């Protein structure tokens, strides 16, 4: 019984030392969370999503639209051109907005 208490006491002390060591580390800088320098500019009419696609599909259906899920990657030249050239064309953007709720996923 005494060994069990000593062992649990040591484990508790080790846990506290670990937590204190972690707490003394400097916090992550804002730079660590800044966007990639090669980030793709997603049009502002793309919607924010919690990535619950069932809910996103239901929401689009309520608006008589379909869900458009764009998978892209920072630094991808094709993705950049799709956003800049195609969705930069007002006719394409307007038609897409009229028929789809668009969300973007950065892979």
PDB file of N, CA and C in Angstrom:
ATOM      1  N   UNK A   1       0.833  -1.187   0.000  1.00  0.00           N
ATOM      2  CA  UNK A   1       0.000   0.000   0.000  1.00  0.00           C
ATOM      3  C   UNK A   1       0.875   1.247   0.000  1.00  0.00           C
ATOM      4  N   UNK A   2       1.932   1.235   0.790  1.00  0.00           N
ATOM      5  CA  UNK A   2       2.820   2.387   0.862  1.00  0.00           C
ATOM      6  C   UNK A   2       3.529   2.609  -0.463  1.00  0.00           C
ATOM      7  N   UNK A   3       3.927   1.507  -1.152  1.00  0.00           N
ATOM      8  CA  UNK A   3       4.582   1.627  -2.453  1.00  0.00           C
ATOM      9  C   UNK A   3       3.648   2.268  -3.475  1.00  0.00           C
ATOM     10  N   UNK A   4       2.364   1.919  -3.413  1.00  0.00           N
ATOM     11  CA  UNK A   4       1.395   2.489  -4.345  1.00  0.00           C
ATOM     12  C   UNK A   4       1.298   3.997  -4.170  1.00  0.00           C
ATOM     13  N   UNK A   5       1.302   4.461  -2.911  1.00  0.00           N
ATOM     14  CA  UNK A   5       1.218   5.903  -2.659  1.00  0.00           C
ATOM     15  C   UNK A   5       2.470   6.614  -3.134  1.00  0.00           C
ATOM     16  N   UNK A   6       3.630   6.000  -2.889  1.00  0.00           N
ATOM     17  CA  UNK A   6       4.888   6.606  -3.342  1.00  0.00           C
ATOM     18  C   UNK A   6       4.916   6.696  -4.860  1.00  0.00           C
ATOM     19  N   UNK A   7       4.473   5.596  -5.518  1.00  0.00           N
ATOM     20  CA  UNK A   7       4.481   5.569  -6.974  1.00  0.00           C
ATOM     21  C   UNK A   7       3.531   6.628  -7.538  1.00  0.00           C
ATOM     22  N   UNK A   8       2.324   6.737  -6.983  1.00  0.00           N
ATOM     23  CA  UNK A   8       1.370   7.724  -7.487  1.00  0.00           C
ATOM     24  C   UNK A   8       1.850   9.136  -7.164  1.00  0.00           C
ATOM     25  N   UNK A   9       2.545   9.300  -6.019  1.00  0.00           N
ATOM     26  CA  UNK A   9       3.107  10.611  -5.690  1.00  0.00           C
ATOM     27  C   UNK A   9       4.183  11.017  -6.684  1.00  0.00           C
ATOM     28  N   UNK A  10       5.047  10.084  -7.066  1.00  0.00           N
ATOM     29  CA  UNK A  10       6.083  10.378  -8.069  1.00  0.00           C
ATOM     30  C   UNK A  10       5.460  10.705  -9.421  1.00  0.00           C
ATOM     31  N   UNK A  11       4.447   9.945  -9.792  1.00  0.00           N
ATOM     32  CA  UNK A  11       3.783  10.185 -11.079  1.00  0.00           C
ATOM     33  C   UNK A  11       3.132  11.564 -11.084  1.00  0.00           C
ATOM     34  N   UNK A  12       2.516  11.948  -9.959  1.00  0.00           N
ATOM     35  CA  UNK A  12       1.888  13.258  -9.871  1.00  0.00           C
ATOM     36  C   UNK A  12       2.933  14.365  -9.953  1.00  0.00           C
ATOM     37  N   UNK A  13       4.059  14.202  -9.262  1.00  0.00           N
ATOM     38  CA  UNK A  13       5.135  15.202  -9.323  1.00  0.00           C
ATOM     39  C   UNK A  13       5.689  15.316 -10.735  1.00  0.00           C
ATOM     40  N   UNK A  14       5.875  14.175 -11.413  1.00  0.00           N
ATOM     41  CA  UNK A  14       6.384  14.201 -12.788  1.00  0.00           C
ATOM     42  C   UNK A  14       5.404  14.934 -13.705  1.00  0.00           C
ATOM     43  N   UNK A  15       4.115  14.701 -13.516  1.00  0.00           N
ATOM     44  CA  UNK A  15       3.103  15.387 -14.312  1.00  0.00           C
ATOM     45  C   UNK A  15       3.140  16.889 -14.060  1.00  0.00           C
ATOM     46  N   UNK A  16       3.238  17.287 -12.796  1.00  0.00           N
ATOM     47  CA  UNK A  16       3.291  18.716 -12.469  1.00  0.00           C
ATOM     48  C   UNK A  16       4.538  19.377 -13.045  1.00  0.00           C
ATOM     49  N   UNK A  17       5.688  18.711 -12.959  1.00  0.00           N
ATOM     50  CA  UNK A  17       6.920  19.253 -13.522  1.00  0.00           C
ATOM     51  C   UNK A  17       6.767  19.432 -15.033  1.00  0.00           C
ATOM     52  N   UNK A  18       6.166  18.453 -15.692  1.00  0.00           N
ATOM     53  CA  UNK A  18       5.955  18.538 -17.144  1.00  0.00           C
ATOM     54  C   UNK A  18       5.034  19.698 -17.488  1.00  0.00           C
ATOM     55  N   UNK A  19       3.938  19.836 -16.742  1.00  0.00           N
ATOM     56  CA  UNK A  19       3.006  20.934 -17.001  1.00  0.00           C
ATOM     57  C   UNK A  19       3.656  22.292 -16.773  1.00  0.00           C
ATOM     58  N   UNK A  20       4.436  22.415 -15.726  1.00  0.00           N
ATOM     59  CA  UNK A  20       5.136  23.678 -15.465  1.00  0.00           C
ATOM     60  C   UNK A  20       6.147  23.984 -16.560  1.00  0.00           C
ATOM     61  N   UNK A  21       6.847  22.964 -17.039  1.00  0.00           N
ATOM     62  CA  UNK A  21       7.816  23.178 -18.114  1.00  0.00           C
ATOM     63  C   UNK A  21       7.112  23.648 -19.380  1.00  0.00           C
ATOM     64  N   UNK A  22       5.972  23.055 -19.681  1.00  0.00           N
ATOM     65  CA  UNK A  22       5.223  23.465 -20.866  1.00  0.00           C
ATOM     66  C   UNK A  22       4.672  24.877 -20.716  1.00  0.00           C
ATOM     67  N   UNK A  23       4.215  25.211 -19.524  1.00  0.00           N
ATOM     68  CA  UNK A  23       3.656  26.533 -19.284  1.00  0.00           C
ATOM     69  C   UNK A  23       4.710  27.624 -19.382  1.00  0.00           C
ATOM     70  N   UNK A  24       5.973  27.282 -19.127  1.00  0.00           N
ATOM     71  CA  UNK A  24       7.019  28.294 -19.170  1.00  0.00           C
ATOM     72  C   UNK A  24       7.539  28.550 -20.580  1.00  0.00           C
ATOM     73  N   UNK A  25       7.090  27.750 -21.566  1.00  0.00           N
ATOM     74  CA  UNK A  25       7.506  27.951 -22.950  1.00  0.00           C
ATOM     75  C   UNK A  25       6.855  29.216 -23.487  1.00  0.00           C
ATOM     76  N   UNK A  26       7.566  29.969 -24.329  1.00  0.00           N
ATOM     77  CA  UNK A  26       6.946  31.165 -24.894  1.00  0.00           C
ATOM     78  C   UNK A  26       5.776  30.790 -25.789  1.00  0.00           C
ATOM     79  N   UNK A  27       4.784  31.652 -25.795  1.00  0.00           N
ATOM     80  CA  UNK A  27       3.605  31.412 -26.636  1.00  0.00           C
ATOM     81  C   UNK A  27       3.995  31.535 -28.101  1.00  0.00           C
ATOM     82  N   UNK A  28       3.250  30.861 -28.954  1.00  0.00           N
ATOM     83  CA  UNK A  28       3.505  30.935 -30.396  1.00  0.00           C
ATOM     84  C   UNK A  28       3.272  32.356 -30.869  1.00  0.00           C
ATOM     85  N   UNK A  29       4.126  32.818 -31.731  1.00  0.00           N
ATOM     86  CA  UNK A  29       3.989  34.181 -32.241  1.00  0.00           C
ATOM     87  C   UNK A  29       2.868  34.251 -33.255  1.00  0.00           C
ATOM     88  N   UNK A  30       2.410  35.457 -33.514  1.00  0.00           N
ATOM     89  CA  UNK A  30       1.357  35.659 -34.510  1.00  0.00           C
ATOM     90  C   UNK A  30       1.844  35.243 -35.885  1.00  0.00           C
ATOM     91  N   UNK A  31       3.160  35.314 -36.103  1.00  0.00           N
ATOM     92  CA  UNK A  31       3.709  34.931 -37.403  1.00  0.00           C
ATOM     93  C   UNK A  31       3.476  33.455 -37.697  1.00  0.00           C
ATOM     94  N   UNK A  32       3.422  32.653 -36.666  1.00  0.00           N
ATOM     95  CA  UNK A  32       3.207  31.220 -36.862  1.00  0.00           C
ATOM     96  C   UNK A  32       1.825  30.942 -37.442  1.00  0.00           C
ATOM     97  N   UNK A  33       0.897  31.878 -37.244  1.00  0.00           N
ATOM     98  CA  UNK A  33      -0.467  31.686 -37.715  1.00  0.00           C
ATOM     99  C   UNK A  33      -0.818  32.594 -38.886  1.00  0.00           C
ATOM    100  N   UNK A  34       0.160  33.258 -39.446  1.00  0.00           N
ATOM    101  CA  UNK A  34      -0.121  34.141 -40.577  1.00  0.00           C
ATOM    102  C   UNK A  34      -0.337  33.306 -41.832  1.00  0.00           C
ATOM    103  N   UNK A  35      -1.088  33.847 -42.789  1.00  0.00           N
ATOM    104  CA  UNK A  35      -1.342  33.083 -44.013  1.00  0.00           C
ATOM    105  C   UNK A  35      -0.066  32.815 -44.784  1.00  0.00           C
ATOM    106  N   UNK A  36      -0.122  31.778 -45.562  1.00  0.00           N
ATOM    107  CA  UNK A  36       1.005  31.408 -46.403  1.00  0.00           C
ATOM    108  C   UNK A  36       1.304  32.538 -47.378  1.00  0.00           C
ATOM    109  N   UNK A  37       2.578  32.769 -47.690  1.00  0.00           N
ATOM    110  CA  UNK A  37       2.883  33.796 -48.690  1.00  0.00           C
ATOM    111  C   UNK A  37       2.403  33.388 -50.080  1.00  0.00           C
ATOM    112  N   UNK A  38       2.042  32.125 -50.227  1.00  0.00           N
ATOM    113  CA  UNK A  38       1.551  31.618 -51.514  1.00  0.00           C
ATOM    114  C   UNK A  38       0.065  31.290 -51.451  1.00  0.00           C
ATOM    115  N   UNK A  39      -0.648  31.931 -50.520  1.00  0.00           N
ATOM    116  CA  UNK A  39      -2.072  31.649 -50.347  1.00  0.00           C
ATOM    117  C   UNK A  39      -2.851  32.054 -51.593  1.00  0.00           C
ATOM    118  N   UNK A  40      -3.867  31.293 -51.889  1.00  0.00           N
ATOM    119  CA  UNK A  40      -4.757  31.568 -53.011  1.00  0.00           C
ATOM    120  C   UNK A  40      -5.866  32.495 -52.504  1.00  0.00           C
ATOM    121  N   UNK A  41      -6.155  33.538 -53.243  1.00  0.00           N
ATOM    122  CA  UNK A  41      -7.244  34.448 -52.880  1.00  0.00           C
ATOM    123  C   UNK A  41      -8.574  33.840 -53.307  1.00  0.00           C
ATOM    124  N   UNK A  42      -9.341  33.420 -52.330  1.00  0.00           N
ATOM    125  CA  UNK A  42     -10.657  32.836 -52.575  1.00  0.00           C
ATOM    126  C   UNK A  42     -11.656  33.992 -52.669  1.00  0.00           C
ATOM    127  N   UNK A  43     -12.533  33.984 -53.663  1.00  0.00           N
ATOM    128  CA  UNK A  43     -13.511  35.071 -53.786  1.00  0.00           C
ATOM    129  C   UNK A  43     -14.343  35.212 -52.507  1.00  0.00           C
ATOM    130  N   UNK A  44     -14.695  36.437 -52.162  1.00  0.00           N
ATOM    131  CA  UNK A  44     -15.430  36.666 -50.909  1.00  0.00           C
ATOM    132  C   UNK A  44     -16.821  36.046 -50.893  1.00  0.00           C
ATOM    133  N   UNK A  45     -17.369  35.692 -52.058  1.00  0.00           N
ATOM    134  CA  UNK A  45     -18.699  35.096 -52.086  1.00  0.00           C
ATOM    135  C   UNK A  45     -18.679  33.600 -51.770  1.00  0.00           C
ATOM    136  N   UNK A  46     -17.492  32.999 -51.650  1.00  0.00           N
ATOM    137  CA  UNK A  46     -17.428  31.621 -51.147  1.00  0.00           C
ATOM    138  C   UNK A  46     -17.870  31.654 -49.692  1.00  0.00           C
ATOM    139  N   UNK A  47     -18.539  30.624 -49.259  1.00  0.00           N
ATOM    140  CA  UNK A  47     -19.095  30.599 -47.902  1.00  0.00           C
ATOM    141  C   UNK A  47     -18.134  29.942 -46.914  1.00  0.00           C
ATOM    142  N   UNK A  48     -18.271  30.342 -45.682  1.00  0.00           N
ATOM    143  CA  UNK A  48     -17.568  29.675 -44.590  1.00  0.00           C
ATOM    144  C   UNK A  48     -18.348  28.402 -44.266  1.00  0.00           C
ATOM    145  N   UNK A  49     -17.651  27.388 -43.831  1.00  0.00           N
ATOM    146  CA  UNK A  49     -18.309  26.119 -43.536  1.00  0.00           C
ATOM    147  C   UNK A  49     -17.638  25.453 -42.346  1.00  0.00           C
ATOM    148  N   UNK A  50     -18.427  24.716 -41.582  1.00  0.00           N
ATOM    149  CA  UNK A  50     -17.882  23.869 -40.516  1.00  0.00           C
ATOM    150  C   UNK A  50     -17.547  22.490 -41.075  1.00  0.00           C
ATOM    151  N   UNK A  51     -17.667  22.354 -42.406  1.00  0.00           N
ATOM    152  CA  UNK A  51     -17.374  21.124 -43.139  1.00  0.00           C
ATOM    153  C   UNK A  51     -18.308  19.980 -42.767  1.00  0.00           C
ATOM    154  N   UNK A  52     -19.515  20.341 -42.383  1.00  0.00           N
ATOM    155  CA  UNK A  52     -20.581  19.355 -42.230  1.00  0.00           C
ATOM    156  C   UNK A  52     -21.332  19.385 -43.551  1.00  0.00           C
ATOM    157  N   UNK A  53     -20.877  18.564 -44.487  1.00  0.00           N
ATOM    158  CA  UNK A  53     -21.403  18.631 -45.844  1.00  0.00           C
ATOM    159  C   UNK A  53     -22.900  18.352 -45.915  1.00  0.00           C
ATOM    160  N   UNK A  54     -23.399  17.504 -45.027  1.00  0.00           N
ATOM    161  CA  UNK A  54     -24.848  17.246 -45.035  1.00  0.00           C
ATOM    162  C   UNK A  54     -25.609  18.539 -44.777  1.00  0.00           C
ATOM    163  N   UNK A  55     -25.146  19.317 -43.816  1.00  0.00           N
ATOM    164  CA  UNK A  55     -25.793  20.596 -43.517  1.00  0.00           C
ATOM    165  C   UNK A  55     -25.591  21.580 -44.672  1.00  0.00           C
ATOM    166  N   UNK A  56     -24.395  21.600 -45.258  1.00  0.00           N
ATOM    167  CA  UNK A  56     -24.131  22.494 -46.389  1.00  0.00           C
ATOM    168  C   UNK A  56     -25.026  22.156 -47.579  1.00  0.00           C
ATOM    169  N   UNK A  57     -25.245  20.869 -47.833  1.00  0.00           N
ATOM    170  CA  UNK A  57     -26.126  20.441 -48.934  1.00  0.00           C
ATOM    171  C   UNK A  57     -27.566  20.844 -48.634  1.00  0.00           C
ATOM    172  N   UNK A  58     -28.013  20.646 -47.391  1.00  0.00           N
ATOM    173  CA  UNK A  58     -29.390  21.035 -47.024  1.00  0.00           C
ATOM    174  C   UNK A  58     -29.581  22.540 -47.192  1.00  0.00           C
ATOM    175  N   UNK A  59     -28.594  23.317 -46.770  1.00  0.00           N
ATOM    176  CA  UNK A  59     -28.687  24.774 -46.898  1.00  0.00           C
ATOM    177  C   UNK A  59     -28.764  25.185 -48.370  1.00  0.00           C
ATOM    178  N   UNK A  60     -27.933  24.575 -49.205  1.00  0.00           N
ATOM    179  CA  UNK A  60     -27.974  24.871 -50.637  1.00  0.00           C
ATOM    180  C   UNK A  60     -29.332  24.484 -51.217  1.00  0.00           C
ATOM    181  N   UNK A  61     -29.853  23.333 -50.836  1.00  0.00           N
ATOM    182  CA  UNK A  61     -31.145  22.873 -51.354  1.00  0.00           C
ATOM    183  C   UNK A  61     -32.269  23.829 -50.963  1.00  0.00           C
ATOM    184  N   UNK A  62     -32.217  24.367 -49.743  1.00  0.00           N
ATOM    185  CA  UNK A  62     -33.235  25.337 -49.316  1.00  0.00           C
ATOM    186  C   UNK A  62     -33.216  26.569 -50.213  1.00  0.00           C
ATOM    187  N   UNK A  63     -32.056  26.864 -50.795  1.00  0.00           N
ATOM    188  CA  UNK A  63     -31.921  28.024 -51.683  1.00  0.00           C
ATOM    189  C   UNK A  63     -32.043  27.620 -53.157  1.00  0.00           C
ATOM    190  N   UNK A  64     -32.482  26.377 -53.402  1.00  0.00           N
ATOM    191  CA  UNK A  64     -32.598  25.829 -54.767  1.00  0.00           C
ATOM    192  C   UNK A  64     -31.266  25.885 -55.508  1.00  0.00           C
ATOM    193  N   UNK A  65     -30.198  25.547 -54.789  1.00  0.00           N
ATOM    194  CA  UNK A  65     -28.853  25.521 -55.361  1.00  0.00           C
ATOM    195  C   UNK A  65     -28.222  24.170 -55.070  1.00  0.00           C
ATOM    196  N   UNK A  66     -27.050  23.985 -55.628  1.00  0.00           N
ATOM    197  CA  UNK A  66     -26.228  22.816 -55.337  1.00  0.00           C
ATOM    198  C   UNK A  66     -24.992  23.274 -54.576  1.00  0.00           C
ATOM    199  N   UNK A  67     -24.308  22.312 -53.976  1.00  0.00           N
ATOM    200  CA  UNK A  67     -23.086  22.626 -53.242  1.00  0.00           C
ATOM    201  C   UNK A  67     -21.891  22.435 -54.160  1.00  0.00           C
ATOM    202  N   UNK A  68     -21.021  23.430 -54.229  1.00  0.00           N
ATOM    203  CA  UNK A  68     -19.771  23.347 -54.973  1.00  0.00           C
ATOM    204  C   UNK A  68     -18.644  23.311 -53.945  1.00  0.00           C
ATOM    205  N   UNK A  69     -17.861  22.250 -53.942  1.00  0.00           N
ATOM    206  CA  UNK A  69     -16.731  22.128 -53.020  1.00  0.00           C
ATOM    207  C   UNK A  69     -15.454  22.242 -53.849  1.00  0.00           C
ATOM    208  N   UNK A  70     -14.712  23.298 -53.591  1.00  0.00           N
ATOM    209  CA  UNK A  70     -13.451  23.542 -54.290  1.00  0.00           C
ATOM    210  C   UNK A  70     -12.316  23.027 -53.419  1.00  0.00           C
ATOM    211  N   UNK A  71     -11.514  22.119 -53.946  1.00  0.00           N
ATOM    212  CA  UNK A  71     -10.325  21.637 -53.257  1.00  0.00           C
ATOM    213  C   UNK A  71      -9.126  22.290 -53.928  1.00  0.00           C
ATOM    214  N   UNK A  72      -8.369  23.071 -53.188  1.00  0.00           N
ATOM    215  CA  UNK A  72      -7.197  23.745 -53.742  1.00  0.00           C
ATOM    216  C   UNK A  72      -6.041  23.669 -52.775  1.00  0.00           C
ATOM    217  N   UNK A  73      -4.920  24.225 -53.193  1.00  0.00           N
ATOM    218  CA  UNK A  73      -3.728  24.186 -52.349  1.00  0.00           C
ATOM    219  C   UNK A  73      -2.941  25.469 -52.539  1.00  0.00           C
ATOM    220  N   UNK A  74      -2.480  26.034 -51.424  1.00  0.00           N
ATOM    221  CA  UNK A  74      -1.627  27.208 -51.497  1.00  0.00           C
ATOM    222  C   UNK A  74      -0.421  26.909 -52.373  1.00  0.00           C
ATOM    223  N   UNK A  75      -0.080  27.855 -53.228  1.00  0.00           N
ATOM    224  CA  UNK A  75       1.086  27.696 -54.089  1.00  0.00           C
ATOM    225  C   UNK A  75       0.789  26.989 -55.400  1.00  0.00           C
ATOM    226  N   UNK A  76      -0.416  26.487 -55.586  1.00  0.00           N
ATOM    227  CA  UNK A  76      -0.774  25.774 -56.821  1.00  0.00           C
ATOM    228  C   UNK A  76      -1.060  26.801 -57.917  1.00  0.00           C
ATOM    229  N   UNK A  77      -0.283  26.780 -59.006  1.00  0.00           N
ATOM    230  CA  UNK A  77      -0.511  27.778 -60.061  1.00  0.00           C
ATOM    231  C   UNK A  77      -1.852  27.599 -60.763  1.00  0.00           C
ATOM    232  N   UNK A  78      -2.345  26.371 -60.871  1.00  0.00           N
ATOM    233  CA  UNK A  78      -3.638  26.129 -61.515  1.00  0.00           C
ATOM    234  C   UNK A  78      -4.779  26.659 -60.649  1.00  0.00           C
ATOM    235  N   UNK A  79      -4.655  26.467 -59.346  1.00  0.00           N
ATOM    236  CA  UNK A  79      -5.667  26.972 -58.421  1.00  0.00           C
ATOM    237  C   UNK A  79      -5.711  28.499 -58.470  1.00  0.00           C
ATOM    238  N   UNK A  80      -4.541  29.109 -58.453  1.00  0.00           N
ATOM    239  CA  UNK A  80      -4.446  30.572 -58.516  1.00  0.00           C
ATOM    240  C   UNK A  80      -5.122  31.096 -59.789  1.00  0.00           C
ATOM    241  N   UNK A  81      -4.849  30.439 -60.915  1.00  0.00           N
ATOM    242  CA  UNK A  81      -5.426  30.892 -62.180  1.00  0.00           C
ATOM    243  C   UNK A  81      -6.939  30.660 -62.236  1.00  0.00           C
ATOM    244  N   UNK A  82      -7.415  29.555 -61.664  1.00  0.00           N
ATOM    245  CA  UNK A  82      -8.853  29.317 -61.607  1.00  0.00           C
ATOM    246  C   UNK A  82      -9.535  30.469 -60.881  1.00  0.00           C
ATOM    247  N   UNK A  83      -8.993  30.838 -59.737  1.00  0.00           N
ATOM    248  CA  UNK A  83      -9.595  31.916 -58.951  1.00  0.00           C
ATOM    249  C   UNK A  83      -9.442  33.269 -59.637  1.00  0.00           C
ATOM    250  N   UNK A  84      -8.271  33.524 -60.183  1.00  0.00           N
ATOM    251  CA  UNK A  84      -7.985  34.827 -60.775  1.00  0.00           C
ATOM    252  C   UNK A  84      -8.683  35.011 -62.123  1.00  0.00           C
ATOM    253  N   UNK A  85      -8.549  34.036 -62.999  1.00  0.00           N
ATOM    254  CA  UNK A  85      -9.047  34.176 -64.369  1.00  0.00           C
ATOM    255  C   UNK A  85     -10.524  33.787 -64.461  1.00  0.00           C
ATOM    256  N   UNK A  86     -10.836  32.547 -64.093  1.00  0.00           N
ATOM    257  CA  UNK A  86     -12.209  32.067 -64.282  1.00  0.00           C
ATOM    258  C   UNK A  86     -13.194  32.761 -63.348  1.00  0.00           C
ATOM    259  N   UNK A  87     -12.914  32.705 -62.039  1.00  0.00           N
ATOM    260  CA  UNK A  87     -13.851  33.341 -61.116  1.00  0.00           C
ATOM    261  C   UNK A  87     -13.675  34.855 -61.107  1.00  0.00           C
ATOM    262  N   UNK A  88     -12.646  35.362 -61.749  1.00  0.00           N
ATOM    263  CA  UNK A  88     -12.501  36.801 -61.951  1.00  0.00           C
ATOM    264  C   UNK A  88     -13.372  37.298 -63.093  1.00  0.00           C
ATOM    265  N   UNK A  89     -13.867  36.389 -63.941  1.00  0.00           N
ATOM    266  CA  UNK A  89     -14.781  36.714 -65.040  1.00  0.00           C
ATOM    267  C   UNK A  89     -16.176  36.864 -64.442  1.00  0.00           C
ATOM    268  N   UNK A  90     -16.737  38.055 -64.556  1.00  0.00           N
ATOM    269  CA  UNK A  90     -18.022  38.351 -63.915  1.00  0.00           C
ATOM    270  C   UNK A  90     -19.123  37.394 -64.362  1.00  0.00           C
ATOM    271  N   UNK A  91     -19.174  37.047 -65.640  1.00  0.00           N
ATOM    272  CA  UNK A  91     -20.230  36.151 -66.137  1.00  0.00           C
ATOM    273  C   UNK A  91     -20.127  34.776 -65.485  1.00  0.00           C
ATOM    274  N   UNK A  92     -18.916  34.244 -65.380  1.00  0.00           N
ATOM    275  CA  UNK A  92     -18.724  32.929 -64.759  1.00  0.00           C
ATOM    276  C   UNK A  92     -19.050  33.000 -63.272  1.00  0.00           C
ATOM    277  N   UNK A  93     -18.552  34.034 -62.607  1.00  0.00           N
ATOM    278  CA  UNK A  93     -18.804  34.178 -61.170  1.00  0.00           C
ATOM    279  C   UNK A  93     -20.292  34.336 -60.891  1.00  0.00           C
ATOM    280  N   UNK A  94     -20.981  35.168 -61.671  1.00  0.00           N
ATOM    281  CA  UNK A  94     -22.422  35.375 -61.450  1.00  0.00           C
ATOM    282  C   UNK A  94     -23.215  34.091 -61.657  1.00  0.00           C
ATOM    283  N   UNK A  95     -22.893  33.347 -62.707  1.00  0.00           N
ATOM    284  CA  UNK A  95     -23.614  32.091 -62.969  1.00  0.00           C
ATOM    285  C   UNK A  95     -23.336  31.076 -61.856  1.00  0.00           C
ATOM    286  N   UNK A  96     -22.094  31.002 -61.420  1.00  0.00           N
ATOM    287  CA  UNK A  96     -21.746  30.080 -60.340  1.00  0.00           C
ATOM    288  C   UNK A  96     -22.477  30.456 -59.062  1.00  0.00           C
ATOM    289  N   UNK A  97     -22.498  31.733 -58.742  1.00  0.00           N
ATOM    290  CA  UNK A  97     -23.187  32.193 -57.533  1.00  0.00           C
ATOM    291  C   UNK A  97     -24.687  31.942 -57.610  1.00  0.00           C
ATOM    292  N   UNK A  98     -25.243  32.050 -58.800  1.00  0.00           N
ATOM    293  CA  UNK A  98     -26.682  31.860 -58.986  1.00  0.00           C
ATOM    294  C   UNK A  98     -27.086  30.397 -58.753  1.00  0.00           C
ATOM    295  N   UNK A  99     -26.215  29.457 -59.103  1.00  0.00           N
ATOM    296  CA  UNK A  99     -26.587  28.043 -59.068  1.00  0.00           C
ATOM    297  C   UNK A  99     -25.919  27.217 -57.960  1.00  0.00           C
ATOM    298  N   UNK A 100     -24.911  27.789 -57.294  1.00  0.00           N
ATOM    299  CA  UNK A 100     -24.146  27.015 -56.311  1.00  0.00           C
ATOM    300  C   UNK A 100     -23.870  27.814 -55.049  1.00  0.00           C
ATOM    301  N   UNK A 101     -23.799  27.101 -53.925  1.00  0.00           N
ATOM    302  CA  UNK A 101     -23.160  27.606 -52.710  1.00  0.00           C
ATOM    303  C   UNK A 101     -21.762  27.024 -52.728  1.00  0.00           C
ATOM    304  N   UNK A 102     -20.775  27.878 -52.800  1.00  0.00           N
ATOM    305  CA  UNK A 102     -19.395  27.415 -52.937  1.00  0.00           C
ATOM    306  C   UNK A 102     -18.663  27.489 -51.607  1.00  0.00           C
ATOM    307  N   UNK A 103     -17.905  26.436 -51.312  1.00  0.00           N
ATOM    308  CA  UNK A 103     -17.006  26.446 -50.159  1.00  0.00           C
ATOM    309  C   UNK A 103     -15.636  25.978 -50.636  1.00  0.00           C
ATOM    310  N   UNK A 104     -14.604  26.455 -49.985  1.00  0.00           N
ATOM    311  CA  UNK A 104     -13.230  26.123 -50.370  1.00  0.00           C
ATOM    312  C   UNK A 104     -12.558  25.317 -49.269  1.00  0.00           C
ATOM    313  N   UNK A 105     -11.791  24.320 -49.693  1.00  0.00           N
ATOM    314  CA  UNK A 105     -11.005  23.518 -48.767  1.00  0.00           C
ATOM    315  C   UNK A 105      -9.572  23.564 -49.240  1.00  0.00           C
ATOM    316  N   UNK A 106      -8.690  24.058 -48.375  1.00  0.00           N
ATOM    317  CA  UNK A 106      -7.263  24.114 -48.691  1.00  0.00           C
ATOM    318  C   UNK A 106      -6.644  22.785 -48.264  1.00  0.00           C
ATOM    319  N   UNK A 107      -6.246  21.996 -49.267  1.00  0.00           N
ATOM    320  CA  UNK A 107      -5.717  20.679 -48.943  1.00  0.00           C
ATOM    321  C   UNK A 107      -4.247  20.752 -48.593  1.00  0.00           C
TER     322      UNK A 107
END
